[in-house]
Amino acid sequence: MGRPREFDVDTALVRALELFWRHGYEGTSLSDLTEAMGINRPSLYATFGSKEALFRKALDLYFERYAPIDAILGEPTARAVVERMLFEVVLLNTGVSTPHGCLGTVGALACSSAAEPIRRDLIARRAQNQELLRQRFEKAKASGDLPADANPADLAFYMITVAQGIAVQAASGASREQLRRVAELALRGWPTPRHE
């Protein structure tokens, strides 16, 4: 019978998430992780498998806790979806108790060829969210909530691009108020249905 774990797995995962969020995948060393998590390397490997597997678990926790897209997609109109998404991105990326910027964006920007699987995973997750937005905008167009000439795929790509831009600017020190104004500017250009 093996020895019982001497640490709380959930707490350790939250600490790993904070480090990855602050420094990115490659900017976080195994030594940083074991020190912050309060465990040794054998325990990290026994519990999480590898640094890469730990990062993916941290990423799952990040999206579950901080960026739940399902709730956003449930808004009654396409504009409400976009408004909630952008303002939540601003709040998340300029939090007082969390690192500035987005784990998904920060993690994908600085990846060497050794971390290519992580970069591909982050790109795939972003593409999945973009596809969910596209589907939501298709429904909005079909119901008359978007103009007949609106392009749901372009709108979804635009929103993901604005959200990523907000994340990058937040990580570079932009204020919450500056980024709220960016979100407001993006919303001004949102297509509205033309009623005869």
C-alpha atoms as a PDB file:
ATOM      1  CA  MET A   1       0.000   0.000   0.000  1.00  0.00           C
ATOM      2  CA  GLY A   2       1.441   3.366  -1.067  1.00  0.00           C
ATOM      3  CA  ARG A   3       1.912   6.334   1.225  1.00  0.00           C
ATOM      4  CA  PRO A   4      -0.997   8.764   1.291  1.00  0.00           C
ATOM      5  CA  ARG A   5      -0.506  12.105  -0.460  1.00  0.00           C
ATOM      6  CA  GLU A   6       0.755  14.791   1.859  1.00  0.00           C
ATOM      7  CA  PHE A   7      -0.702  17.680  -0.136  1.00  0.00           C
ATOM      8  CA  ASP A   8      -4.055  18.834  -1.412  1.00  0.00           C
ATOM      9  CA  VAL A   9      -4.231  18.189  -5.166  1.00  0.00           C
ATOM     10  CA  ASP A  10      -6.801  20.939  -5.841  1.00  0.00           C
ATOM     11  CA  THR A  11      -4.771  23.565  -3.980  1.00  0.00           C
ATOM     12  CA  ALA A  12      -1.609  22.478  -5.780  1.00  0.00           C
ATOM     13  CA  LEU A  13      -3.387  22.775  -9.140  1.00  0.00           C
ATOM     14  CA  VAL A  14      -4.597  26.297  -8.332  1.00  0.00           C
ATOM     15  CA  ARG A  15      -1.024  27.301  -7.460  1.00  0.00           C
ATOM     16  CA  ALA A  16       0.251  25.812 -10.717  1.00  0.00           C
ATOM     17  CA  LEU A  17      -2.460  27.685 -12.630  1.00  0.00           C
ATOM     18  CA  GLU A  18      -1.390  30.979 -11.059  1.00  0.00           C
ATOM     19  CA  LEU A  19       2.230  30.391 -12.066  1.00  0.00           C
ATOM     20  CA  PHE A  20       1.398  29.376 -15.633  1.00  0.00           C
ATOM     21  CA  TRP A  21      -0.960  32.352 -15.939  1.00  0.00           C
ATOM     22  CA  ARG A  22       1.712  34.751 -14.748  1.00  0.00           C
ATOM     23  CA  HIS A  23       4.716  33.309 -16.644  1.00  0.00           C
ATOM     24  CA  GLY A  24       3.337  31.160 -19.476  1.00  0.00           C
ATOM     25  CA  TYR A  25       4.102  27.501 -20.081  1.00  0.00           C
ATOM     26  CA  GLU A  26       7.773  27.841 -20.927  1.00  0.00           C
ATOM     27  CA  GLY A  27       8.401  30.668 -18.486  1.00  0.00           C
ATOM     28  CA  THR A  28       7.416  28.382 -15.600  1.00  0.00           C
ATOM     29  CA  SER A  29      10.101  25.909 -14.546  1.00  0.00           C
ATOM     30  CA  LEU A  30       9.593  22.612 -12.754  1.00  0.00           C
ATOM     31  CA  SER A  31      11.422  24.107  -9.773  1.00  0.00           C
ATOM     32  CA  ASP A  32       8.982  27.035  -9.730  1.00  0.00           C
ATOM     33  CA  LEU A  33       6.079  24.603  -9.824  1.00  0.00           C
ATOM     34  CA  THR A  34       7.283  22.262  -7.099  1.00  0.00           C
ATOM     35  CA  GLU A  35       8.118  25.190  -4.815  1.00  0.00           C
ATOM     36  CA  ALA A  36       4.761  26.917  -5.318  1.00  0.00           C
ATOM     37  CA  MET A  37       2.800  23.669  -5.073  1.00  0.00           C
ATOM     38  CA  GLY A  38       4.690  22.510  -1.993  1.00  0.00           C
ATOM     39  CA  ILE A  39       5.617  19.141  -3.512  1.00  0.00           C
ATOM     40  CA  ASN A  40       8.680  17.394  -4.909  1.00  0.00           C
ATOM     41  CA  ARG A  41       9.197  16.321  -8.520  1.00  0.00           C
ATOM     42  CA  PRO A  42       8.307  12.651  -7.964  1.00  0.00           C
ATOM     43  CA  SER A  43       4.984  13.741  -6.414  1.00  0.00           C
ATOM     44  CA  LEU A  44       4.307  16.104  -9.311  1.00  0.00           C
ATOM     45  CA  TYR A  45       4.959  13.344 -11.845  1.00  0.00           C
ATOM     46  CA  ALA A  46       3.011  10.734  -9.846  1.00  0.00           C
ATOM     47  CA  THR A  47      -0.019  13.013  -9.485  1.00  0.00           C
ATOM     48  CA  PHE A  48      -0.092  14.966 -12.752  1.00  0.00           C
ATOM     49  CA  GLY A  49       2.061  12.902 -15.140  1.00  0.00           C
ATOM     50  CA  SER A  50       4.255  15.655 -16.567  1.00  0.00           C
ATOM     51  CA  LYS A  51       4.611  19.416 -16.776  1.00  0.00           C
ATOM     52  CA  GLU A  52       2.635  19.332 -20.037  1.00  0.00           C
ATOM     53  CA  ALA A  53      -0.180  17.300 -18.466  1.00  0.00           C
ATOM     54  CA  LEU A  54      -0.195  19.632 -15.459  1.00  0.00           C
ATOM     55  CA  PHE A  55      -0.475  22.651 -17.764  1.00  0.00           C
ATOM     56  CA  ARG A  56      -3.447  21.081 -19.553  1.00  0.00           C
ATOM     57  CA  LYS A  57      -5.179  20.414 -16.217  1.00  0.00           C
ATOM     58  CA  ALA A  58      -4.475  24.009 -15.195  1.00  0.00           C
ATOM     59  CA  LEU A  59      -5.864  25.201 -18.521  1.00  0.00           C
ATOM     60  CA  ASP A  60      -9.040  23.156 -17.998  1.00  0.00           C
ATOM     61  CA  LEU A  61      -9.434  24.749 -14.575  1.00  0.00           C
ATOM     62  CA  TYR A  62      -8.814  28.210 -16.039  1.00  0.00           C
ATOM     63  CA  PHE A  63     -11.541  27.875 -18.671  1.00  0.00           C
ATOM     64  CA  GLU A  64     -13.948  26.256 -16.217  1.00  0.00           C
ATOM     65  CA  ARG A  65     -13.449  28.845 -13.493  1.00  0.00           C
ATOM     66  CA  TYR A  66     -12.595  32.046 -15.317  1.00  0.00           C
ATOM     67  CA  ALA A  67     -13.824  31.783 -18.906  1.00  0.00           C
ATOM     68  CA  PRO A  68     -17.025  29.701 -19.077  1.00  0.00           C
ATOM     69  CA  ILE A  69     -18.270  30.340 -22.617  1.00  0.00           C
ATOM     70  CA  ASP A  70     -21.526  28.376 -22.247  1.00  0.00           C
ATOM     71  CA  ALA A  71     -23.061  30.986 -19.942  1.00  0.00           C
ATOM     72  CA  ILE A  72     -22.060  33.758 -22.338  1.00  0.00           C
ATOM     73  CA  LEU A  73     -23.586  31.976 -25.344  1.00  0.00           C
ATOM     74  CA  GLY A  74     -26.886  31.705 -23.469  1.00  0.00           C
ATOM     75  CA  GLU A  75     -27.516  35.456 -23.631  1.00  0.00           C
ATOM     76  CA  PRO A  76     -30.771  36.285 -25.473  1.00  0.00           C
ATOM     77  CA  THR A  77     -29.261  38.267 -28.379  1.00  0.00           C
ATOM     78  CA  ALA A  78     -26.036  38.188 -30.358  1.00  0.00           C
ATOM     79  CA  ARG A  79     -25.225  41.702 -29.166  1.00  0.00           C
ATOM     80  CA  ALA A  80     -25.777  40.641 -25.539  1.00  0.00           C
ATOM     81  CA  VAL A  81     -23.419  37.685 -26.117  1.00  0.00           C
ATOM     82  CA  VAL A  82     -20.725  40.010 -27.465  1.00  0.00           C
ATOM     83  CA  GLU A  83     -21.259  42.656 -24.793  1.00  0.00           C
ATOM     84  CA  ARG A  84     -21.006  40.137 -21.964  1.00  0.00           C
ATOM     85  CA  MET A  85     -18.020  38.432 -23.563  1.00  0.00           C
ATOM     86  CA  LEU A  86     -16.021  41.623 -24.058  1.00  0.00           C
ATOM     87  CA  PHE A  87     -16.737  43.116 -20.639  1.00  0.00           C
ATOM     88  CA  GLU A  88     -15.990  39.813 -18.891  1.00  0.00           C
ATOM     89  CA  VAL A  89     -12.716  39.591 -20.823  1.00  0.00           C
ATOM     90  CA  VAL A  90     -11.849  43.102 -19.619  1.00  0.00           C
ATOM     91  CA  LEU A  91     -12.644  42.217 -15.988  1.00  0.00           C
ATOM     92  CA  LEU A  92     -10.799  38.894 -16.105  1.00  0.00           C
ATOM     93  CA  ASN A  93      -7.688  40.335 -17.698  1.00  0.00           C
ATOM     94  CA  THR A  94      -7.453  43.265 -15.290  1.00  0.00           C
ATOM     95  CA  GLY A  95      -8.307  41.416 -12.076  1.00  0.00           C
ATOM     96  CA  VAL A  96      -6.926  42.548  -8.735  1.00  0.00           C
ATOM     97  CA  SER A  97      -6.259  39.055  -7.400  1.00  0.00           C
ATOM     98  CA  THR A  98      -5.264  37.384 -10.681  1.00  0.00           C
ATOM     99  CA  PRO A  99      -2.426  37.959 -13.162  1.00  0.00           C
ATOM    100  CA  HIS A 100      -3.169  40.377 -15.995  1.00  0.00           C
ATOM    101  CA  GLY A 101      -3.638  38.905 -19.437  1.00  0.00           C
ATOM    102  CA  CYS A 102      -5.122  35.594 -20.559  1.00  0.00           C
ATOM    103  CA  LEU A 103      -3.514  32.225 -19.860  1.00  0.00           C
ATOM    104  CA  GLY A 104      -4.494  30.959 -23.315  1.00  0.00           C
ATOM    105  CA  THR A 105      -3.044  33.971 -25.099  1.00  0.00           C
ATOM    106  CA  VAL A 106       0.098  34.319 -22.958  1.00  0.00           C
ATOM    107  CA  GLY A 107       0.771  30.602 -23.192  1.00  0.00           C
ATOM    108  CA  ALA A 108       0.499  30.508 -26.990  1.00  0.00           C
ATOM    109  CA  LEU A 109       2.587  33.572 -27.757  1.00  0.00           C
ATOM    110  CA  ALA A 110       5.953  32.431 -26.446  1.00  0.00           C
ATOM    111  CA  CYS A 111       6.295  28.773 -27.335  1.00  0.00           C
ATOM    112  CA  SER A 112       9.444  27.244 -28.797  1.00  0.00           C
ATOM    113  CA  SER A 113       9.347  24.181 -31.019  1.00  0.00           C
ATOM    114  CA  ALA A 114       9.727  22.030 -27.885  1.00  0.00           C
ATOM    115  CA  ALA A 115       6.369  23.334 -26.654  1.00  0.00           C
ATOM    116  CA  GLU A 116       4.611  23.031 -30.019  1.00  0.00           C
ATOM    117  CA  PRO A 117       2.000  20.548 -28.651  1.00  0.00           C
ATOM    118  CA  ILE A 118       0.984  23.128 -26.027  1.00  0.00           C
ATOM    119  CA  ARG A 119       0.728  25.880 -28.647  1.00  0.00           C
ATOM    120  CA  ARG A 120      -1.414  23.636 -30.870  1.00  0.00           C
ATOM    121  CA  ASP A 121      -3.683  22.804 -27.916  1.00  0.00           C
ATOM    122  CA  LEU A 122      -4.158  26.495 -27.106  1.00  0.00           C
ATOM    123  CA  ILE A 123      -4.911  27.304 -30.748  1.00  0.00           C
ATOM    124  CA  ALA A 124      -7.422  24.432 -30.881  1.00  0.00           C
ATOM    125  CA  ARG A 125      -9.207  25.687 -27.767  1.00  0.00           C
ATOM    126  CA  ARG A 126      -9.423  29.192 -29.214  1.00  0.00           C
ATOM    127  CA  ALA A 127     -10.729  27.766 -32.503  1.00  0.00           C
ATOM    128  CA  GLN A 128     -13.355  25.796 -30.600  1.00  0.00           C
ATOM    129  CA  ASN A 129     -14.591  28.945 -28.865  1.00  0.00           C
ATOM    130  CA  GLN A 130     -14.599  30.771 -32.187  1.00  0.00           C
ATOM    131  CA  GLU A 131     -16.679  27.981 -33.718  1.00  0.00           C
ATOM    132  CA  LEU A 132     -19.163  28.133 -30.828  1.00  0.00           C
ATOM    133  CA  LEU A 133     -19.516  31.878 -31.413  1.00  0.00           C
ATOM    134  CA  ARG A 134     -19.996  31.311 -35.148  1.00  0.00           C
ATOM    135  CA  GLN A 135     -22.776  28.817 -34.481  1.00  0.00           C
ATOM    136  CA  ARG A 136     -24.457  31.238 -32.067  1.00  0.00           C
ATOM    137  CA  PHE A 137     -24.249  34.033 -34.647  1.00  0.00           C
ATOM    138  CA  GLU A 138     -25.658  31.715 -37.337  1.00  0.00           C
ATOM    139  CA  LYS A 139     -28.697  31.165 -35.115  1.00  0.00           C
ATOM    140  CA  ALA A 140     -28.963  34.904 -34.539  1.00  0.00           C
ATOM    141  CA  LYS A 141     -28.882  35.555 -38.280  1.00  0.00           C
ATOM    142  CA  ALA A 142     -31.498  32.869 -38.963  1.00  0.00           C
ATOM    143  CA  SER A 143     -33.828  34.399 -36.349  1.00  0.00           C
ATOM    144  CA  GLY A 144     -33.412  37.951 -37.665  1.00  0.00           C
ATOM    145  CA  ASP A 145     -31.280  39.060 -34.717  1.00  0.00           C
ATOM    146  CA  LEU A 146     -28.451  39.873 -37.167  1.00  0.00           C
ATOM    147  CA  PRO A 147     -28.806  41.447 -40.620  1.00  0.00           C
ATOM    148  CA  ALA A 148     -29.207  39.115 -43.594  1.00  0.00           C
ATOM    149  CA  ASP A 149     -25.824  40.212 -44.962  1.00  0.00           C
ATOM    150  CA  ALA A 150     -23.944  39.550 -41.688  1.00  0.00           C
ATOM    151  CA  ASN A 151     -21.150  36.993 -41.892  1.00  0.00           C
ATOM    152  CA  PRO A 152     -21.217  34.883 -38.691  1.00  0.00           C
ATOM    153  CA  ALA A 153     -17.738  33.421 -39.309  1.00  0.00           C
ATOM    154  CA  ASP A 154     -16.188  36.879 -39.750  1.00  0.00           C
ATOM    155  CA  LEU A 155     -18.025  38.206 -36.683  1.00  0.00           C
ATOM    156  CA  ALA A 156     -16.785  35.297 -34.556  1.00  0.00           C
ATOM    157  CA  PHE A 157     -13.199  35.807 -35.752  1.00  0.00           C
ATOM    158  CA  TYR A 158     -13.490  39.539 -35.076  1.00  0.00           C
ATOM    159  CA  MET A 159     -14.702  38.982 -31.503  1.00  0.00           C
ATOM    160  CA  ILE A 160     -11.935  36.479 -30.744  1.00  0.00           C
ATOM    161  CA  THR A 161      -9.397  38.921 -32.198  1.00  0.00           C
ATOM    162  CA  VAL A 162     -10.682  41.820 -30.077  1.00  0.00           C
ATOM    163  CA  ALA A 163     -10.715  39.615 -26.963  1.00  0.00           C
ATOM    164  CA  GLN A 164      -7.127  38.513 -27.605  1.00  0.00           C
ATOM    165  CA  GLY A 165      -6.074  42.106 -28.182  1.00  0.00           C
ATOM    166  CA  ILE A 166      -7.595  43.088 -24.860  1.00  0.00           C
ATOM    167  CA  ALA A 167      -5.681  40.257 -23.168  1.00  0.00           C
ATOM    168  CA  VAL A 168      -2.360  41.266 -24.730  1.00  0.00           C
ATOM    169  CA  GLN A 169      -2.875  44.938 -23.823  1.00  0.00           C
ATOM    170  CA  ALA A 170      -3.855  44.003 -20.245  1.00  0.00           C
ATOM    171  CA  ALA A 171      -0.692  41.943 -19.883  1.00  0.00           C
ATOM    172  CA  SER A 172       1.240  44.987 -21.125  1.00  0.00           C
ATOM    173  CA  GLY A 173      -0.246  47.237 -18.435  1.00  0.00           C
ATOM    174  CA  ALA A 174      -3.344  48.786 -20.045  1.00  0.00           C
ATOM    175  CA  SER A 175      -5.899  49.879 -17.455  1.00  0.00           C
ATOM    176  CA  ARG A 176      -9.367  48.444 -17.005  1.00  0.00           C
ATOM    177  CA  GLU A 177     -10.873  51.770 -18.076  1.00  0.00           C
ATOM    178  CA  GLN A 178      -8.824  51.886 -21.292  1.00  0.00           C
ATOM    179  CA  LEU A 179      -9.879  48.356 -22.151  1.00  0.00           C
ATOM    180  CA  ARG A 180     -13.540  49.063 -21.360  1.00  0.00           C
ATOM    181  CA  ARG A 181     -13.368  51.859 -23.929  1.00  0.00           C
ATOM    182  CA  VAL A 182     -11.955  49.384 -26.471  1.00  0.00           C
ATOM    183  CA  ALA A 183     -14.884  47.046 -25.782  1.00  0.00           C
ATOM    184  CA  GLU A 184     -17.323  49.944 -26.169  1.00  0.00           C
ATOM    185  CA  LEU A 185     -15.748  50.915 -29.505  1.00  0.00           C
ATOM    186  CA  ALA A 186     -16.048  47.331 -30.761  1.00  0.00           C
ATOM    187  CA  LEU A 187     -19.711  47.273 -29.735  1.00  0.00           C
ATOM    188  CA  ARG A 188     -20.448  50.479 -31.655  1.00  0.00           C
ATOM    189  CA  GLY A 189     -19.670  48.655 -34.875  1.00  0.00           C
ATOM    190  CA  TRP A 190     -21.821  45.633 -34.085  1.00  0.00           C
ATOM    191  CA  PRO A 191     -24.320  44.995 -36.917  1.00  0.00           C
ATOM    192  CA  THR A 192     -27.958  45.433 -36.001  1.00  0.00           C
ATOM    193  CA  PRO A 193     -30.911  44.099 -37.962  1.00  0.00           C
ATOM    194  CA  ARG A 194     -32.644  46.595 -40.230  1.00  0.00           C
ATOM    195  CA  HIS A 195     -36.376  46.589 -39.567  1.00  0.00           C
ATOM    196  CA  GLU A 196     -38.581  47.702 -42.409  1.00  0.00           C
END
